[in-house]
Amino acid sequence: MTKRQGVTDQEAGLQQRLVFRGAKARRGAVPEPLRLMARSSGLMWAASFFELCFGRARRVDANLKSLASLKAAGLVGCVF
């Protein structure tokens, strides 16, 4: 089975470039899962909105959110 390729900077449309720019500003680089999700604009926007809301939530300490995120990724077998 071939590996699915993400959207490159040259292939990205205007909306994708805006999301990529925001991700690069927050994380220093565009994560590969975001490039893969950019193949479906609805999925990309939903994931971006979720990340934005998750990052702005203030009821839980940031360190605890990070640990919970890592645990959830480990439970589902996420390699990212």
Protein backbone atom coordinates (compact mmCIF):
# COMPACT_ATOMS: atom_id res chain seq x y z
CA MET A 1 0.00 0.00 0.00
CA THR A 2 1.35 3.45 -0.88
CA LYS A 3 1.60 6.20 1.68
CA ARG A 4 -0.82 9.08 1.22
CA GLN A 5 0.98 12.37 0.51
CA GLY A 6 -0.01 15.62 2.18
CA VAL A 7 -0.60 18.94 0.44
CA THR A 8 2.66 20.69 -0.38
CA ASP A 9 3.14 24.45 -0.13
CA GLN A 10 3.06 24.70 -3.93
CA GLU A 11 -0.24 22.77 -4.17
CA ALA A 12 -1.95 24.65 -1.34
CA GLY A 13 -4.81 26.99 -2.12
CA LEU A 14 -5.45 30.30 -0.38
CA GLN A 15 -7.37 28.83 2.59
CA GLN A 16 -4.83 26.06 3.08
CA ARG A 17 -1.94 28.54 2.99
CA LEU A 18 -3.65 30.64 5.68
CA VAL A 19 -4.11 27.61 7.93
CA PHE A 20 -0.52 26.49 7.25
CA ARG A 21 0.77 29.97 8.13
CA GLY A 22 -1.12 29.91 11.43
CA ALA A 23 0.19 26.44 12.27
CA LYS A 24 3.73 27.47 11.40
CA ALA A 25 3.47 30.54 13.64
CA ARG A 26 2.22 28.45 16.57
CA ARG A 27 4.44 25.40 16.21
CA GLY A 28 7.38 26.48 14.10
CA ALA A 29 6.47 24.13 11.24
CA VAL A 30 3.39 22.73 9.55
CA PRO A 31 2.59 19.33 11.11
CA GLU A 32 2.29 16.44 8.66
CA PRO A 33 -1.20 15.46 9.92
CA LEU A 34 -2.42 18.95 9.00
CA ARG A 35 -1.00 18.57 5.52
CA LEU A 36 -2.86 15.26 5.18
CA MET A 37 -6.11 16.76 6.49
CA ALA A 38 -5.78 19.59 3.96
CA ARG A 39 -6.83 17.08 1.27
CA SER A 40 -10.36 17.55 2.67
CA SER A 41 -11.16 21.19 3.42
CA GLY A 42 -14.00 20.29 5.81
CA LEU A 43 -11.77 18.02 7.85
CA MET A 44 -8.98 20.60 7.89
CA TRP A 45 -11.30 23.35 9.16
CA ALA A 46 -12.88 21.10 11.78
CA ALA A 47 -9.49 20.00 13.12
CA SER A 48 -8.19 23.58 13.10
CA PHE A 49 -11.26 24.83 14.97
CA PHE A 50 -10.90 22.04 17.53
CA GLU A 51 -7.21 22.86 18.08
CA LEU A 52 -8.02 26.55 18.47
CA CYS A 53 -10.74 25.88 21.05
CA PHE A 54 -8.62 23.30 22.84
CA GLY A 55 -5.73 25.74 23.08
CA ARG A 56 -7.90 28.54 24.46
CA ALA A 57 -9.54 26.43 27.15
CA ARG A 58 -8.37 27.70 30.55
CA ARG A 59 -10.16 25.44 33.05
CA VAL A 60 -7.41 22.80 32.91
CA ASP A 61 -3.69 23.44 33.36
CA ALA A 62 -1.70 23.42 30.09
CA ASN A 63 0.64 20.69 31.36
CA LEU A 64 -2.30 18.44 32.17
CA LYS A 65 -3.81 19.04 28.72
CA SER A 66 -0.49 18.09 27.14
CA LEU A 67 -0.28 14.88 29.17
CA ALA A 68 -3.88 13.98 28.32
CA SER A 69 -3.17 14.57 24.64
CA LEU A 70 -0.14 12.27 24.74
CA LYS A 71 -2.08 9.57 26.60
CA ALA A 72 -4.96 9.73 24.12
CA ALA A 73 -2.53 9.49 21.19
CA GLY A 74 -0.90 6.46 22.78
CA LEU A 75 -4.23 4.75 23.37
CA VAL A 76 -5.29 5.04 19.73
CA GLY A 77 -1.83 4.18 18.38
CA CYS A 78 -1.10 7.58 16.87
CA VAL A 79 2.51 7.81 15.67
CA PHE A 80 2.51 11.60 15.69
